[in-house]
Structure formats: structure tokens, C-alpha cells
């Protein structure tokens, strides 16, 4: 038990929980095995974090035009209409 608790000093709790769940499902009782699972999970998460963000496979392409998406001009008009109603006393010139 102490060995698993000590893992919290070196690894994120989410990885320890994930490894513990895997160990329970696999009927693994050894602290050493759980530690190795955590280390492997940590290495995988580090490898994903080290992947460059401009990698095509990691980017989500957002749809810019669709019948349910309003054009930017409508948002601009809405913003200008509502901002003009606001009063900013600190910005008024006396």
C-alpha cells in the first residue's frame, strides 16, 4: 500500500488511478507491477505531449461555412448595436 501511495510524489493521480484499475481488472497484486504500469502510462502521456502541435493528425478542422453558422457580419452588427447602448462614465470626455 505504501508503495502505491508513494507513486503520487512522482506521477499524476490520474495515471495511478488508471494503472490501479488495470491492475484490478487483470488481478495484479504486486506493487512492482502497478509501478511499471504507471511508468508505462507516464511514458505514453509524455510521448503524446512531445508530439508537435502542427502535426496534421492532431489538428481538428473546424467547419467555417454551414447553414447553421451565421456570417461574421451578423455577429459584428449585434456587437456594435449592443456596445453602443453601454455607457462608460470613466471613458467620457468632460
C-alpha atoms as a PDB file:
ATOM      1  CA  UNK A   1       0.000   0.000   0.000  1.00  0.00           C
ATOM      2  CA  UNK A   2       2.772   2.469   0.878  1.00  0.00           C
ATOM      3  CA  UNK A   3       4.492   1.823  -2.418  1.00  0.00           C
ATOM      4  CA  UNK A   4       1.420   2.799  -4.413  1.00  0.00           C
ATOM      5  CA  UNK A   5       0.838   5.876  -2.241  1.00  0.00           C
ATOM      6  CA  UNK A   6       4.470   6.880  -2.792  1.00  0.00           C
ATOM      7  CA  UNK A   7       3.843   6.934  -6.552  1.00  0.00           C
ATOM      8  CA  UNK A   8       1.807  10.121  -6.041  1.00  0.00           C
ATOM      9  CA  UNK A   9       5.046  12.008  -5.413  1.00  0.00           C
ATOM     10  CA  UNK A  10       6.299  11.233  -8.929  1.00  0.00           C
ATOM     11  CA  UNK A  11       3.235  10.713 -11.106  1.00  0.00           C
ATOM     12  CA  UNK A  12      -0.162  12.357 -11.675  1.00  0.00           C
ATOM     13  CA  UNK A  13      -3.038  10.831  -9.701  1.00  0.00           C
ATOM     14  CA  UNK A  14      -4.995  10.116 -12.896  1.00  0.00           C
ATOM     15  CA  UNK A  15      -2.235   7.795 -14.138  1.00  0.00           C
ATOM     16  CA  UNK A  16      -2.072   5.996 -10.801  1.00  0.00           C
ATOM     17  CA  UNK A  17      -5.852   5.517 -10.821  1.00  0.00           C
ATOM     18  CA  UNK A  18      -5.744   4.220 -14.379  1.00  0.00           C
ATOM     19  CA  UNK A  19      -2.957   1.777 -13.550  1.00  0.00           C
ATOM     20  CA  UNK A  20      -4.753   0.639 -10.395  1.00  0.00           C
ATOM     21  CA  UNK A  21      -7.914  -0.019 -12.395  1.00  0.00           C
ATOM     22  CA  UNK A  22      -5.959  -2.010 -14.956  1.00  0.00           C
ATOM     23  CA  UNK A  23      -4.293  -3.963 -12.151  1.00  0.00           C
ATOM     24  CA  UNK A  24      -7.640  -4.790 -10.537  1.00  0.00           C
ATOM     25  CA  UNK A  25      -9.134  -5.959 -13.813  1.00  0.00           C
ATOM     26  CA  UNK A  26      -6.045  -8.062 -14.516  1.00  0.00           C
ATOM     27  CA  UNK A  27      -5.956  -9.440 -10.946  1.00  0.00           C
ATOM     28  CA  UNK A  28      -2.454  -7.961 -10.479  1.00  0.00           C
ATOM     29  CA  UNK A  29      -1.493  -7.724  -6.813  1.00  0.00           C
ATOM     30  CA  UNK A  30       2.155  -6.714  -6.974  1.00  0.00           C
ATOM     31  CA  UNK A  31       3.174  -3.134  -6.195  1.00  0.00           C
ATOM     32  CA  UNK A  32       6.065  -3.508  -8.611  1.00  0.00           C
ATOM     33  CA  UNK A  33       3.668  -4.386 -11.444  1.00  0.00           C
ATOM     34  CA  UNK A  34       1.451  -1.404 -10.660  1.00  0.00           C
ATOM     35  CA  UNK A  35       4.520   0.869 -10.593  1.00  0.00           C
ATOM     36  CA  UNK A  36       5.574  -0.460 -14.002  1.00  0.00           C
ATOM     37  CA  UNK A  37       2.075   0.171 -15.361  1.00  0.00           C
ATOM     38  CA  UNK A  38       2.186   3.754 -14.076  1.00  0.00           C
ATOM     39  CA  UNK A  39       5.624   4.266 -15.610  1.00  0.00           C
ATOM     40  CA  UNK A  40       4.440   2.984 -18.994  1.00  0.00           C
ATOM     41  CA  UNK A  41       1.348   5.182 -18.887  1.00  0.00           C
ATOM     42  CA  UNK A  42       3.521   8.151 -17.946  1.00  0.00           C
ATOM     43  CA  UNK A  43       5.900   7.490 -20.845  1.00  0.00           C
ATOM     44  CA  UNK A  44       2.973   7.285 -23.263  1.00  0.00           C
ATOM     45  CA  UNK A  45       1.494  10.543 -21.997  1.00  0.00           C
ATOM     46  CA  UNK A  46       4.899  12.228 -22.307  1.00  0.00           C
ATOM     47  CA  UNK A  47       5.292  10.944 -25.850  1.00  0.00           C
ATOM     48  CA  UNK A  48       1.891  12.403 -26.763  1.00  0.00           C
ATOM     49  CA  UNK A  49       2.824  15.715 -25.143  1.00  0.00           C
ATOM     50  CA  UNK A  50       6.074  15.821 -27.119  1.00  0.00           C
ATOM     51  CA  UNK A  51       4.255  15.482 -30.442  1.00  0.00           C
ATOM     52  CA  UNK A  52       4.456  18.801 -32.299  1.00  0.00           C
ATOM     53  CA  UNK A  53       1.151  20.696 -32.317  1.00  0.00           C
ATOM     54  CA  UNK A  54       1.345  21.425 -36.054  1.00  0.00           C
ATOM     55  CA  UNK A  55       1.152  17.716 -36.828  1.00  0.00           C
ATOM     56  CA  UNK A  56      -1.770  17.236 -39.241  1.00  0.00           C
ATOM     57  CA  UNK A  57      -3.074  14.203 -37.334  1.00  0.00           C
ATOM     58  CA  UNK A  58      -3.507  16.229 -34.117  1.00  0.00           C
ATOM     59  CA  UNK A  59      -5.427  19.131 -35.635  1.00  0.00           C
ATOM     60  CA  UNK A  60      -9.188  19.342 -35.742  1.00  0.00           C
ATOM     61  CA  UNK A  61     -10.518  21.038 -38.823  1.00  0.00           C
ATOM     62  CA  UNK A  62     -13.399  23.345 -37.983  1.00  0.00           C
ATOM     63  CA  UNK A  63     -16.189  23.996 -40.440  1.00  0.00           C
ATOM     64  CA  UNK A  64     -16.274  27.669 -41.385  1.00  0.00           C
ATOM     65  CA  UNK A  65     -19.378  27.644 -43.540  1.00  0.00           C
ATOM     66  CA  UNK A  66     -22.611  25.821 -42.809  1.00  0.00           C
ATOM     67  CA  UNK A  67     -26.307  26.643 -42.956  1.00  0.00           C
ATOM     68  CA  UNK A  68     -26.406  26.739 -39.131  1.00  0.00           C
ATOM     69  CA  UNK A  69     -23.399  29.076 -38.808  1.00  0.00           C
ATOM     70  CA  UNK A  70     -24.203  32.770 -39.106  1.00  0.00           C
ATOM     71  CA  UNK A  71     -21.915  35.011 -41.132  1.00  0.00           C
ATOM     72  CA  UNK A  72     -19.454  37.189 -39.244  1.00  0.00           C
ATOM     73  CA  UNK A  73     -21.258  40.353 -40.364  1.00  0.00           C
ATOM     74  CA  UNK A  74     -24.302  39.401 -38.253  1.00  0.00           C
ATOM     75  CA  UNK A  75     -22.140  38.976 -35.151  1.00  0.00           C
ATOM     76  CA  UNK A  76     -20.421  42.278 -35.879  1.00  0.00           C
ATOM     77  CA  UNK A  77     -23.750  44.107 -36.216  1.00  0.00           C
ATOM     78  CA  UNK A  78     -25.052  42.547 -32.984  1.00  0.00           C
ATOM     79  CA  UNK A  79     -21.908  43.540 -31.094  1.00  0.00           C
ATOM     80  CA  UNK A  80     -21.932  47.120 -32.392  1.00  0.00           C
ATOM     81  CA  UNK A  81     -25.642  47.535 -31.604  1.00  0.00           C
ATOM     82  CA  UNK A  82     -25.266  46.365 -28.004  1.00  0.00           C
ATOM     83  CA  UNK A  83     -21.981  48.094 -27.254  1.00  0.00           C
ATOM     84  CA  UNK A  84     -23.453  51.406 -28.371  1.00  0.00           C
ATOM     85  CA  UNK A  85     -26.108  51.060 -25.618  1.00  0.00           C
ATOM     86  CA  UNK A  86     -23.497  50.727 -22.889  1.00  0.00           C
ATOM     87  CA  UNK A  87     -22.277  53.792 -21.104  1.00  0.00           C
ATOM     88  CA  UNK A  88     -18.757  54.001 -19.789  1.00  0.00           C
ATOM     89  CA  UNK A  89     -18.587  57.067 -17.489  1.00  0.00           C
ATOM     90  CA  UNK A  90     -14.864  56.615 -16.991  1.00  0.00           C
ATOM     91  CA  UNK A  91     -14.314  56.976 -20.740  1.00  0.00           C
ATOM     92  CA  UNK A  92     -16.471  60.067 -21.285  1.00  0.00           C
ATOM     93  CA  UNK A  93     -14.634  63.281 -22.027  1.00  0.00           C
ATOM     94  CA  UNK A  94     -15.856  66.194 -19.932  1.00  0.00           C
END
